[in-house]
Protein backbone atom coordinates (compact mmCIF):
# COMPACT_ATOMS: atom_id res chain seq x y z
CA MET A 1 25.08 -13.48 17.79
CA ARG A 2 28.68 -12.35 17.12
CA MET A 3 28.55 -14.07 13.76
CA ARG A 4 25.22 -12.47 12.91
CA SER A 5 26.47 -9.04 13.97
CA GLY A 6 29.51 -9.39 11.74
CA LEU A 7 27.37 -10.44 8.80
CA LEU A 8 25.09 -7.48 9.44
CA GLU A 9 28.05 -5.10 9.32
CA LEU A 10 29.20 -6.69 6.06
CA ALA A 11 25.73 -6.39 4.54
CA ILE A 12 25.47 -2.77 5.60
CA GLY A 13 28.86 -2.17 4.03
CA VAL A 14 27.65 -3.76 0.80
CA ARG A 15 24.45 -1.69 1.00
CA LYS A 16 26.42 1.55 1.14
CA VAL A 17 28.21 0.95 -2.16
CA GLY A 18 25.29 2.65 -3.89
CA TRP A 19 23.06 2.04 -6.87
CA ARG A 20 25.32 2.30 -9.88
CA GLY A 21 24.18 -0.45 -12.19
CA ARG A 22 25.82 -3.75 -12.92
CA ASN A 23 29.41 -2.65 -13.65
CA GLY A 24 29.78 0.03 -10.97
CA VAL A 25 28.59 -2.19 -8.13
CA GLY A 26 30.65 -5.12 -9.37
CA LEU A 27 33.84 -3.03 -9.22
CA GLN A 28 33.00 -1.73 -5.76
CA LEU A 29 32.27 -5.24 -4.49
CA GLN A 30 35.59 -6.36 -5.91
CA TYR A 31 37.28 -3.48 -4.08
CA LEU A 32 35.42 -4.40 -0.87
CA GLY A 33 36.56 -7.98 -1.26
CA GLN A 34 40.17 -6.90 -1.73
CA ILE A 35 40.06 -4.83 1.44
CA MET A 36 38.65 -7.73 3.45
CA GLN A 37 40.75 -10.30 1.55
CA ILE A 38 37.56 -12.11 0.52
CA SER A 39 36.70 -13.19 -3.02
CA ARG A 40 33.52 -12.02 -4.69
CA ASN A 41 32.01 -15.51 -4.59
CA VAL A 42 32.62 -15.71 -0.86
CA LEU A 43 31.02 -12.28 -0.45
CA VAL A 44 27.93 -13.50 -2.28
CA PHE A 45 27.85 -16.66 -0.15
CA ILE A 46 28.15 -14.64 3.07
CA TYR A 47 25.40 -12.30 1.96
CA GLU A 48 23.06 -15.19 1.12
CA LEU A 49 23.85 -16.80 4.47
CA TYR A 50 23.17 -13.49 6.18
CA VAL A 51 19.79 -13.30 4.45
CA TYR A 52 18.90 -16.84 5.47
CA LEU A 53 19.82 -16.25 9.11
CA PHE A 54 18.10 -12.89 9.23
CA ARG A 55 14.91 -14.29 7.80
CA ASN A 56 14.52 -16.40 10.92
CA SER A 57 15.57 -13.68 13.36
CA ILE A 58 13.68 -11.20 15.51
CA ILE A 59 13.29 -9.02 12.41
CA ASN A 60 10.88 -11.58 11.03
CA GLN A 61 8.68 -10.87 14.05
CA MET A 62 8.59 -7.20 13.09
CA GLN A 63 7.70 -8.24 9.55
CA GLU A 64 4.77 -10.20 10.95
CA LYS A 65 3.48 -7.00 12.59
CA LEU A 66 3.53 -5.26 9.23
CA ILE A 67 1.85 -8.21 7.54
CA ALA A 68 -0.81 -8.20 10.26
CA GLY A 69 -1.48 -4.53 9.55
CA LEU A 70 -1.62 -5.15 5.82
CA THR A 71 -3.95 -8.11 6.28
CA SER A 72 -6.61 -5.91 7.84
CA SER A 73 -6.47 -3.59 4.83
CA TYR A 74 -6.14 -6.25 2.14
CA GLY A 75 -9.11 -8.40 3.09
CA SER A 76 -9.74 -9.67 -0.43
CA LEU A 77 -8.55 -13.00 -1.79
CA LEU A 78 -6.20 -11.13 -4.12
CA GLY A 79 -4.79 -9.21 -1.15
CA GLN A 80 -4.26 -12.41 0.80
CA GLN A 81 -2.39 -13.97 -2.14
CA TYR A 82 -0.19 -10.87 -2.32
CA LEU A 83 0.66 -11.05 1.39
CA LYS A 84 1.41 -14.75 1.14
CA TRP A 85 3.69 -14.10 -1.86
CA LEU A 86 5.54 -11.36 0.06
CA LYS A 87 6.48 -13.87 2.76
CA MET A 88 7.42 -16.69 0.39
CA PRO A 89 11.10 -17.33 -0.44
CA PRO A 90 13.03 -15.93 -2.13
CA SER A 91 11.57 -13.08 -0.12
CA TYR A 92 14.31 -11.03 1.50
CA LEU A 93 11.63 -8.56 2.50
CA ARG A 94 12.85 -7.47 5.90
CA VAL A 95 11.23 -4.88 8.10
CA MET A 96 13.76 -3.40 10.49
CA GLN A 97 11.21 -1.31 12.40
CA SER A 98 7.63 -2.06 13.36
CA ILE A 99 5.27 -0.32 10.94
CA ASP A 100 1.52 0.18 11.04
CA TYR A 101 -0.36 0.22 7.76
CA ARG A 102 -3.45 2.45 7.55
CA LYS A 103 -3.68 3.56 3.90
CA GLY A 104 -0.05 4.55 4.07
CA MET A 105 2.96 3.70 6.19
CA TYR A 106 3.15 4.89 9.80
CA ALA A 107 5.86 4.41 12.42
CA ALA A 108 4.74 2.21 15.31
CA GLN A 109 7.81 3.15 17.35
CA GLN A 110 10.53 5.77 17.33
CA ILE A 111 12.94 5.44 14.39
CA LYS A 112 16.32 7.14 14.58
CA ALA A 113 17.86 9.17 11.75
CA ASN A 114 19.65 7.06 9.10
CA GLN A 115 18.22 3.86 10.56
CA GLN A 116 17.17 1.26 8.03
CA ILE A 117 13.42 0.67 7.94
CA MET A 118 12.88 -1.82 5.15
CA LEU A 119 14.93 -3.84 2.68
CA ILE A 120 13.37 -5.47 -0.40
CA SER A 121 15.25 -7.80 -2.72
CA THR A 122 14.86 -7.12 -6.43
CA GLU A 123 13.83 -10.77 -6.72
CA LYS A 124 10.47 -9.40 -5.61
CA CYS A 125 10.56 -6.53 -8.13
CA PHE A 126 10.06 -5.89 -11.82
CA THR A 127 13.11 -4.21 -13.38
CA SER A 128 14.12 -2.75 -16.73
CA VAL A 129 17.19 -5.01 -16.81
CA GLU A 130 15.80 -8.54 -16.51
CA PHE A 131 12.60 -10.22 -17.70
CA VAL A 132 11.12 -12.13 -14.75
CA GLY A 133 9.95 -15.66 -15.58
CA CYS A 134 11.08 -15.43 -19.20
CA ASP A 135 13.52 -17.63 -21.13
CA THR A 136 16.55 -16.10 -22.87
CA ARG A 137 15.08 -16.25 -26.37
CA LYS A 138 11.81 -14.60 -25.42
CA SER A 139 13.67 -12.05 -23.31
CA GLN A 140 15.80 -11.00 -26.28
CA GLU A 141 12.72 -10.80 -28.51
CA LEU A 142 10.86 -8.52 -26.08
CA GLN A 143 13.99 -6.42 -25.54
CA THR A 144 14.25 -5.88 -29.30
CA ILE A 145 10.57 -4.94 -29.58
CA ALA A 146 10.80 -2.43 -26.71
CA SER A 147 14.01 -0.88 -28.09
CA GLN A 148 12.64 -0.54 -31.63
CA ILE A 149 9.41 1.09 -30.43
CA ALA A 150 11.30 3.53 -28.20
CA HIS A 151 13.65 4.45 -31.07
CA LYS A 152 10.74 5.04 -33.44
CA ILE A 153 8.78 7.18 -30.96
CA CYS A 154 11.65 9.15 -29.41
CA GLY A 155 13.80 9.65 -32.50
CA GLY A 156 17.33 10.75 -31.64
CA LYS A 157 16.61 11.58 -27.98
CA VAL A 158 18.82 8.91 -26.43
CA GLU A 159 17.87 9.42 -22.76
CA GLN A 160 14.17 9.37 -23.61
CA GLN A 161 14.71 6.21 -25.67
CA TYR A 162 16.34 4.52 -22.68
CA LEU A 163 13.51 5.56 -20.36
CA VAL A 164 10.72 4.44 -22.73
CA THR A 165 12.51 1.14 -23.43
CA GLY A 166 12.65 0.35 -19.71
CA LEU A 167 9.05 1.44 -19.21
CA LEU A 168 7.84 -0.85 -22.02
CA LYS A 169 9.86 -3.79 -20.70
CA ILE A 170 8.25 -3.49 -17.28
CA ILE A 171 4.77 -3.00 -18.78
CA LEU A 172 5.16 -6.21 -20.80
CA GLN A 173 6.31 -8.14 -17.73
CA VAL A 174 3.45 -6.92 -15.54
CA PHE A 175 0.89 -7.63 -18.28
CA VAL A 176 2.06 -11.23 -18.72
CA HIS A 177 2.16 -11.86 -14.96
CA GLN A 178 -1.35 -10.43 -14.59
CA LYS A 179 -2.69 -12.81 -17.23
CA ASP A 180 -0.83 -15.97 -16.15
CA GLN A 181 -1.53 -16.78 -12.49
CA SER A 182 1.13 -19.52 -12.49
CA LEU A 183 3.99 -17.05 -12.91
CA THR A 184 6.06 -16.07 -9.88
CA HIS A 185 5.13 -12.38 -9.65
CA SER A 186 1.45 -12.76 -10.50
CA PRO A 187 0.19 -11.74 -7.00
CA PHE A 188 2.29 -8.56 -7.11
CA ALA A 189 1.38 -7.75 -10.73
CA ASN A 190 -2.32 -7.94 -9.91
CA MET A 191 -1.90 -5.54 -6.99
CA ILE A 192 -0.44 -2.83 -9.26
CA GLN A 193 -3.25 -0.39 -10.00
CA PRO A 194 -3.20 2.98 -11.80
CA PRO A 195 -3.74 6.16 -9.78
CA ASN A 196 -6.71 8.33 -10.68
CA THR A 197 -5.05 10.78 -13.06
CA PRO A 198 -6.47 12.99 -15.85
CA LEU A 199 -5.58 10.24 -18.35
CA LEU A 200 -8.41 8.17 -16.87
CA TRP A 201 -10.94 10.93 -16.20
CA PRO A 202 -14.45 10.46 -17.65
CA GLN A 203 -15.40 12.56 -20.66
CA THR A 204 -17.87 14.57 -18.55
CA VAL A 205 -14.90 15.95 -16.57
CA ILE A 206 -12.66 16.37 -19.63
CA ASP A 207 -15.35 18.57 -21.21
CA LEU A 208 -15.07 21.02 -18.28
CA ILE A 209 -11.32 21.64 -18.70
CA SER A 210 -10.50 25.30 -19.33
CA SER A 211 -6.75 24.95 -18.82
CA ARG A 212 -4.99 24.80 -22.18
CA ASN A 213 -1.88 23.51 -20.44
CA LEU A 214 -3.67 20.58 -18.78
CA ALA A 215 -5.56 19.77 -21.99
CA SER A 216 -2.26 19.77 -23.90
CA LEU A 217 -0.60 17.47 -21.36
CA ILE A 218 -3.49 15.01 -21.52
CA GLU A 219 -3.62 15.05 -25.32
CA GLY A 220 0.15 14.68 -25.72
CA THR A 221 0.42 11.79 -23.26
CA LEU A 222 -2.56 9.97 -24.77
CA LEU A 223 -1.05 10.32 -28.25
CA GLN A 224 2.24 8.90 -26.97
CA CYS A 225 0.40 5.96 -25.38
CA GLN A 226 -1.58 5.36 -28.56
CA SER A 227 1.64 5.38 -30.62
CA MET A 228 3.28 2.83 -28.31
CA TYR A 229 0.17 0.63 -28.35
CA ASN A 230 -0.06 0.74 -32.15
CA GLU A 231 3.60 -0.26 -32.44
CA LEU A 232 3.03 -3.17 -30.04
CA GLN A 233 0.19 -4.37 -32.26
CA LEU A 234 2.42 -4.12 -35.33
CA SER A 235 5.03 -6.14 -33.41
CA LYS A 236 2.39 -8.85 -32.86
CA VAL A 237 2.11 -8.34 -29.11
CA TYR A 238 -1.55 -9.31 -28.81
CA GLY A 239 -4.02 -9.84 -25.97
CA LEU A 240 -3.69 -6.29 -24.66
CA THR A 241 -6.45 -3.74 -25.32
CA ALA A 242 -5.75 -0.02 -25.71
CA LEU A 243 -7.45 0.74 -22.38
CA GLU A 244 -5.48 -1.99 -20.59
CA PHE A 245 -2.25 -0.58 -22.00
CA LEU A 246 -3.18 2.95 -20.90
CA LYS A 247 -3.89 1.73 -17.35
CA LEU A 248 -0.63 -0.23 -17.25
CA PHE A 249 1.29 2.76 -18.60
CA GLN A 250 -0.19 4.97 -15.89
CA ALA A 251 0.33 2.40 -13.12
CA ILE A 252 3.96 1.65 -13.99
CA ARG A 253 4.87 5.29 -14.57
CA ALA A 254 3.47 6.18 -11.13
CA SER A 255 5.29 3.30 -9.37
CA LEU A 256 8.58 3.59 -11.24
CA ILE A 257 11.79 4.17 -9.29
CA CYS A 258 14.52 5.44 -11.61
CA PHE A 259 17.47 4.92 -9.31
CA ASN A 260 20.75 6.66 -9.51
CA PRO A 261 22.98 6.97 -6.45
CA GLN A 262 22.38 10.61 -5.55
CA LYS A 263 18.79 11.22 -6.65
CA PRO A 264 16.35 8.31 -6.42
CA LYS A 265 13.31 8.85 -8.65
CA TYR A 266 15.39 11.04 -11.01
CA PHE A 267 16.21 9.29 -14.27
CA ASP A 268 19.63 9.21 -15.89
CA MET A 269 21.43 6.89 -18.31
CA GLN A 270 23.05 4.90 -15.50
CA SER A 271 19.87 4.27 -13.55
CA VAL A 272 17.98 1.00 -13.20
CA GLN A 273 14.21 1.30 -13.48
CA ILE A 274 12.38 -0.68 -10.82
CA VAL A 275 8.81 -1.30 -9.68
CA SER A 276 8.98 -2.57 -6.11
CA PRO A 277 6.42 -4.03 -3.70
CA MET A 278 5.49 -1.69 -0.85
CA VAL A 279 7.05 1.40 -2.46
CA TYR A 280 3.66 2.80 -3.46
CA GLN A 281 2.59 2.76 0.21
CA PHE A 282 4.96 5.64 0.99
CA ASP A 283 3.29 9.01 0.49
CA HIS A 284 4.94 12.05 -1.10
CA SER A 285 6.45 15.02 0.69
CA PHE A 286 8.84 17.79 -0.37
CA ASP A 287 10.32 17.44 3.13
CA PRO A 288 10.31 13.64 3.51
CA ASN A 289 11.33 11.75 6.63
CA CYS A 290 12.58 8.73 4.62
CA TYR A 291 14.83 8.20 1.63
CA LEU A 292 15.43 5.46 -0.92
CA ASP A 293 18.76 3.80 -1.51
CA GLY A 294 19.86 0.47 -2.92
CA CYS A 295 22.28 -1.64 -4.84
CA TYR A 296 21.86 -3.38 -8.18
CA LEU A 297 24.18 -6.14 -9.39
CA SER A 298 21.73 -8.56 -10.97
CA HIS A 299 18.15 -9.62 -10.41
CA GLU A 300 19.03 -12.53 -8.12
CA ASN A 301 22.22 -11.43 -6.36
CA MET A 302 22.86 -8.71 -3.80
CA SER A 303 20.34 -6.30 -5.27
CA PHE A 304 17.76 -4.56 -3.17
CA VAL A 305 15.69 -1.45 -2.50
CA ASP A 306 16.45 0.12 0.87
CA PHE A 307 14.16 2.46 2.83
CA SER A 308 15.88 4.39 5.60
CA ALA A 309 14.94 7.23 7.93
CA LYS A 310 16.20 10.63 6.83
CA LYS A 311 15.57 12.09 10.28
CA GLN A 312 14.16 10.94 13.59
CA ILE A 313 10.59 9.70 13.24
CA GLU A 314 8.18 9.59 16.15
CA PRO A 315 5.48 6.92 16.74
CA GLY A 316 2.40 7.63 14.64
CA ASP A 317 4.23 9.76 12.06
CA LYS A 318 3.48 8.98 8.43
CA LEU A 319 6.50 7.71 6.49
CA THR A 320 7.14 9.77 3.36
CA ILE A 321 9.54 9.99 0.42
CA ASN A 322 10.03 12.70 -2.20
CA TYR A 323 8.53 11.75 -5.57
CA GLY A 324 10.48 14.64 -7.07
CA ASN A 325 10.44 18.45 -6.94
CA LEU A 326 7.51 18.56 -9.35
CA SER A 327 4.78 21.05 -10.12
CA ASN A 328 1.18 20.11 -9.39
CA HIS A 329 0.66 19.53 -13.12
CA ASP A 330 3.34 16.81 -13.09
CA LEU A 331 2.24 15.33 -9.75
CA LEU A 332 -1.37 15.15 -10.97
CA MET A 333 -0.49 13.64 -14.36
CA ARG A 334 1.91 11.03 -12.92
CA HIS A 335 0.56 10.25 -9.45
CA GLY A 336 -2.94 11.68 -9.22
CA ILE A 337 -2.00 13.97 -6.31
CA MET A 338 -1.44 17.68 -5.68
CA VAL A 339 0.30 19.67 -2.95
CA ASP A 340 -1.19 22.80 -1.41
CA ASP A 341 0.99 25.90 -1.92
CA ASN A 342 3.41 23.91 -4.08
CA PRO A 343 6.60 26.03 -4.36
CA TYR A 344 7.51 24.31 -7.65
CA ASN A 345 4.32 25.28 -9.46
CA GLU A 346 4.79 26.83 -12.87
CA MET A 347 2.56 27.43 -15.85
CA PRO A 348 3.53 27.43 -19.54
CA ILE A 349 1.71 30.11 -21.53
CA ASP A 350 1.57 31.05 -25.20
CA LEU A 351 2.32 34.72 -25.83
CA ASP A 352 0.54 36.51 -28.68
CA PHE A 353 2.90 38.88 -30.55
CA THR A 354 0.55 39.66 -33.46
CA LYS A 355 -0.19 43.19 -32.21
CA ALA A 356 3.49 43.89 -31.51
CA ILE A 357 4.96 42.58 -34.76
CA ASN A 358 6.34 46.00 -35.75
CA TYR A 359 8.96 45.76 -32.99
CA THR A 360 10.43 42.65 -34.65
CA GLU A 361 11.83 44.58 -37.62
CA GLN A 362 13.50 47.29 -35.56
CA LEU A 363 17.17 46.45 -34.78
CA PHE A 364 16.53 42.90 -36.01
CA GLU A 365 20.19 41.86 -36.40
CA GLN A 366 21.25 43.45 -33.11
CA LYS A 367 18.37 41.83 -31.22
CA GLN A 368 19.18 38.42 -32.72
CA LYS A 369 22.78 38.82 -31.58
CA TRP A 370 21.64 39.50 -28.01
CA LEU A 371 19.03 36.74 -27.99
CA ARG A 372 21.57 34.15 -29.06
CA GLN A 373 23.17 34.72 -25.65
CA SER A 374 19.92 33.89 -23.82
CA GLU A 375 18.56 30.47 -22.82
CA ILE A 376 15.22 31.11 -24.54
CA THR A 377 14.62 28.72 -27.45
CA ASN A 378 10.91 29.27 -28.06
CA ILE A 379 9.88 32.92 -28.24
CA GLU A 380 6.13 32.41 -27.95
CA ARG A 381 6.11 29.56 -25.40
CA GLN A 382 7.14 30.83 -21.95
CA SER A 383 6.55 29.93 -18.30
CA LEU A 384 5.16 31.84 -15.36
CA TYR A 385 6.05 30.82 -11.80
CA ALA A 386 4.07 30.66 -8.58
CA ASN A 387 6.42 32.53 -6.28
CA LYS A 388 8.88 34.38 -8.51
CA ILE A 389 9.10 36.34 -11.76
CA ASN A 390 10.57 34.75 -14.87
CA VAL A 391 13.59 37.05 -15.17
CA GLN A 392 14.65 35.53 -18.50
CA LEU A 393 11.25 36.37 -19.97
CA LEU A 394 11.52 39.90 -18.61
CA GLN A 395 14.98 40.29 -20.12
CA TYR A 396 13.80 38.97 -23.48
CA LEU A 397 10.80 41.32 -23.63
CA ARG A 398 12.97 44.32 -22.81
CA ILE A 399 15.12 43.41 -25.81
CA TYR A 400 12.10 42.75 -28.04
CA PHE A 401 10.47 46.13 -27.31
CA LEU A 402 13.68 48.14 -27.70
CA THR A 403 13.21 50.82 -30.37
CA GLU A 404 15.77 52.29 -32.76
CA GLN A 405 15.30 55.70 -31.18
CA GLU A 406 16.01 54.36 -27.71
CA PHE A 407 19.07 52.41 -28.84
CA SER A 408 20.48 55.55 -30.48
CA LYS A 409 20.34 57.20 -27.07
CA ASN A 410 21.97 54.17 -25.37
CA PRO A 411 24.36 52.61 -27.93
CA GLN A 412 26.44 51.09 -25.11
CA LEU A 413 23.66 48.60 -24.27
CA GLU A 414 24.68 44.93 -24.15
CA PHE A 415 22.89 41.70 -23.31
CA ASN A 416 23.35 41.92 -19.52
CA SER A 417 22.05 45.49 -19.53
CA PHE A 418 18.51 44.14 -19.97
CA GLN A 419 18.58 42.38 -16.60
CA GLU A 420 17.53 45.76 -15.24
CA LYS A 421 15.01 48.33 -16.44
CA ILE A 422 16.56 50.35 -19.27
CA SER A 423 13.92 53.07 -19.48
CA GLU A 424 10.40 53.95 -18.34
CA GLU A 425 9.10 53.81 -21.91
CA ASN A 426 10.52 50.34 -22.57
CA GLU A 427 9.28 48.98 -19.24
CA LEU A 428 5.79 50.30 -19.91
CA LEU A 429 5.65 48.47 -23.25
CA VAL A 430 6.72 45.22 -21.55
CA LYS A 431 4.12 45.58 -18.81
CA GLN A 432 1.28 46.45 -21.19
CA PHE A 433 2.12 43.46 -23.36
CA MET A 434 2.15 41.01 -20.43
CA ILE A 435 -0.97 42.48 -18.80
CA GLN A 436 -2.96 42.04 -22.03
CA ASN A 437 -1.73 38.46 -22.55
CA ILE A 438 -2.46 37.43 -18.95
CA LYS A 439 -5.95 38.99 -19.04
CA ASN A 440 -6.71 37.18 -22.30
CA ILE A 441 -5.72 33.84 -20.75
CA LEU A 442 -7.67 34.50 -17.53
CA SER A 443 -10.81 35.20 -19.56
CA THR A 444 -10.80 31.63 -20.93
CA TYR A 445 -11.39 29.92 -17.57
CA LYS A 446 -14.81 28.59 -16.73
CA GLN A 447 -15.97 28.45 -13.12
CA ILE A 448 -16.65 24.98 -11.71
CA SER A 449 -19.41 25.27 -9.12
CA LYS A 450 -19.54 22.89 -6.15
CA PRO A 451 -16.95 20.33 -7.34
CA ILE A 452 -18.05 16.88 -6.21
CA GLY A 453 -15.84 13.81 -6.57
CA LYS A 454 -12.06 13.55 -6.82
CA GLU A 455 -11.83 14.28 -10.55
CA LEU A 456 -13.78 17.55 -10.37
CA GLN A 457 -11.99 18.58 -7.18
CA ASP A 458 -8.60 17.95 -8.81
CA LEU A 459 -9.65 19.90 -11.90
CA TYR A 460 -10.87 22.76 -9.71
CA LYS A 461 -7.58 22.81 -7.75
CA ILE A 462 -5.27 22.67 -10.77
CA GLN A 463 -7.15 25.47 -12.54
CA LYS A 464 -7.19 27.49 -9.32
CA ASP A 465 -3.39 27.03 -9.15
CA GLU A 466 -3.07 28.37 -12.69
CA MET A 467 -5.34 31.33 -12.04
CA THR A 468 -3.35 32.15 -8.89
CA ILE A 469 -0.09 32.13 -10.88
CA LEU A 470 -1.67 34.36 -13.54
CA GLN A 471 -3.10 36.74 -10.95
CA ASN A 472 0.22 36.99 -9.07
CA ASN A 473 2.03 37.87 -12.30
CA LEU A 474 -0.71 40.29 -13.30
CA THR A 475 -0.24 42.08 -9.98
CA PHE A 476 3.51 42.32 -10.58
CA PHE A 477 3.20 43.74 -14.10
CA SER A 478 0.46 46.16 -13.00
CA LYS A 479 2.72 47.92 -10.50
């Protein structure tokens, strides 16, 4: 037991180096080895030995409890194959605390803050770095196809190129493993299903959409999917229908973990994109009781997804992680969920300046000089928030409706002056403009009576969110 305890401490030390991609972790492991006077190869050997010993320890008994809970929920043959695959080597799926599964993850016993709950090796994952079950030549070919498509679709947006490249690489892997049952990750690939998002709503529900914002999000995402699918066809990636690609796109995007050390689920250029078994069982919360961590060196060595308790969790509590501080529009489009009273709700709106065009010519050069100091890039496309006023919009409109006569009375005005009301006349023009625009938008919504079914209920909720935002802002500007 002393040996096992020492190995556990070493593994925990390795776990804490963070998720920094291949080079960052390699350097930190080298540093760890220097401190302990152990070579990297010995570190890898010790870790593998630790995994082997731990697989046969008491922790395996806890894993069996989880598997037993999953078995009752996954009664199908496909579900049984998935559970069998989870337990097969190289598994490294270790459950540190007993968990009940009842359409989510629940604590079966008290879990202390910062205590590890689950550890999953990336050998059981699909990643954006390696092609699982693929030879080097084919891997390079698919990498080239994914990179070229991302470059063509995203243009010069480098971060978006990187994200789309990784997304396509994982989609291609999952597709192949779904079709070929002999491949290693086939049981997992077949368990990956898309959430019920607006991208997959029936036309009868789409026809009831009044929200221009939601309609625009659906149209834009579908066009992006269609572009990627068309490029795959031109690249001679056959056997995948447009609907299958759309479902894979939605499923992978919902399950994707874009790891960087500080903010799991937030993408950056150093992150590794991963789709992991079990991760989709953790529900979302803006105040989660669990967090994601991990380490990535390579697909086969010392790389894993780590679920730990953020705070003390009592028996029966649902285990949750934060999918991101997203508005209900983003949560619905990506994950098919919404949060009541979401503090991050916002609503893009298109402002109509046609009846106020005469204010554009007045003090044009001076106004342009001030506006260059603002963060506003699109004059007509602005956002309204659920629980606060868009102060940048207010500042911009005060500048826009400034008249020559008023400026002659206040020639000392500068950009920061418009953070506050500059005159009753100017403020009245701003309020009248916003009141008219908000009323025009509110008039476009159609009432959905007695929403039945998830799609109609989601549509009703998202449009109710928008109308609440509009009404709150209307109340503010009417004061």
